[in-house]
Amino acid sequence: MHEAHHPSPSAVLPAQQERPRPPESGEAERRATWFELFCDLVFVAAVGQVTRRIGAAPGLGSVAAAAALFVPLWWTWVLYAVRANRADRDITSHRLLTMAGLVAVCGLAVFVGGVGASDAADTGFALSYLGARLGVAALYALEARRDRGLAPLLTSFAAGSLCSAPFWAGGALLAPAGPVRYGIWAGGMLVDLAVPLLSGRRNAKAGHHAEHLRERFGLFTIIVLGESVLGFTNGLVQARTAGPALVTGAAAFVLCACLWWSYFSASGSRPGAHAELADDPRLLNIYVFGHLPVQLGLAVTGGAIGTAVLGSGGRLSTALALCVLGGVALFLLATAVVRAAFTGVRDGVVRVRLGTAGLVVSLVPAAGRVPAWAMLVGPAVLLALSVATETPAHRTRPPARRG
C-alpha cells in the first residue's frame, strides 16, 4: 500500500512544530521520533502474545478469539499514534504521561494470553485497556489547555470513553466468564470504534500530519509482519532444520517477502493523496479502519506460519491452512478496498488484488492433500505474480476521483 517515493518538503511539518497545521512550503517533513519507535516496542510484545495464541491452537474458535483480542490492541496503538500525530511536542510531560499509559499496554501484553482461561486475566486485560485509554485522554487534556483547537478531540474522546468504560469494567467485574462477558466487551469495542466515525468532521478541524500518519501505519505493519518472520524462524529452530522444514521455511520466507512487497511497493492512494487524508474525514477513516483487516490478516498468517513450518513433515489441517491462506486473502481484500477508495474499483491494481485473493482462497481444499510446503509456496507464487502484474498500473495511475 505504500510506494517508495519521497514526498515533497511541503507534504509534512517538522517534528518540533508545536501544533499540527496545514503544511507550508519550505518546511521539513515530519518523521517518526525515537520515542515513538520506543513506544512501538511495547506493542510488539502485545501483538506477539496474540500471534502466539494463534500458533499454539490454530483452530477456528481459538483463532477467532485471538482475532477479537487483536482489535483492542490495534485500536490502542491507533489512539496513541493519532494523538502523537496531531498533538505531540515530544516534551518531558508528554513522554512521562505516555510512559504511564504504556504501563497499561504492558498489562495488555501480560494478560492477553490468558483471556478466556481465568477471571484474573480477563479482569487484568479489561482494566489495562481502560488504563491505556486514560493515558490518551490525559495527553489530550494536557495539550488542549494550550491549544483550544484540540478541544473537540478531547470532548469526543472523553464522551466515547465514558460510554464504553461501563462495558469493559462491567463485563470484567460483574458478568460471568464466557459468551456474556465477551459479548459485553464487543459492545464496548463497537462504541470505541464508532466515536471517530460519528465525530469525524469535528475532529478533522484539529488537523494532522498525513504523511507522518502513513509512515506510522507502515511501521506498525512491519511490526505485525515481523511476527511472521519470527514464527517461521522459531519453527525452524524447533524442527532443528530438518529437510522438509528447510523447504517449508524457505517457502514461508518467500511468502513474507511477497507480503512486504505487496504492501510497500504500491500506495493505497495515488501520489499526493496524503494531502487528501488531511482534508477528507471520509478518506481518513477508510485509510485508518482499512488497516485493521490489513494488519489482522498479517497477524493471523504470522501466527500460523510457525506451526506450519514445525509440522513440515506432514500436511496442514484445514483450520491451519485457513489461517495461512485466509490471512493472506484478508490482507489482499483490505488493501484493495483502501486503494479503491482513492482510485475507484476499476483501477487495475484493485482488480488484480481481488482476483488474487479469490485464487488464494481456492487453495484451501488442497489442505490435507499436498505437503505443507506446497500450501505456502502456492500463495507466495500468487502474490509474486500479483506484484508483477500490478507494476504497470503503478506507473500509469488513474486520474484523481472527483466528488
Foldseek 3Di string as FASTA:
>chain_A
DAAPDDDAQQQAADLQDQFADRGDPPHGHYADDPLLVVLVVLLLLQLLLLLQQCQVDLFPVSVVLSLVLVLLSLVLNVLVLQLCQGGNNPDDVLSVLQVQLSVLSNLSSVLVNCQLPDLVSLQSNLVSSLSNLVSSLVSLVVRCVVPVLSVVVSVLSVVLSVVLSCLSNCLSPPNDPDPVSVVSNVVSSVSVLCSCVVCVVSNLSSFGSLVNSVVSLLVVLVSLLVLLVVLLVVLCVLLVNPPLLVLLSVLSVLQSVLLNCLDHNADLAAPPCSSVCSPPSVLVSLVSVLVSLLSSLSSLLSSLSNSLSNPQVAWDDLSSLCSNLVSQLSNLQSSLSSSCVWQNCPQPLSVLSNVLSVVSVVCSVCTRPDGSSVSSNVNSVSSVVSSVVCVVCNVPDHDTDDD
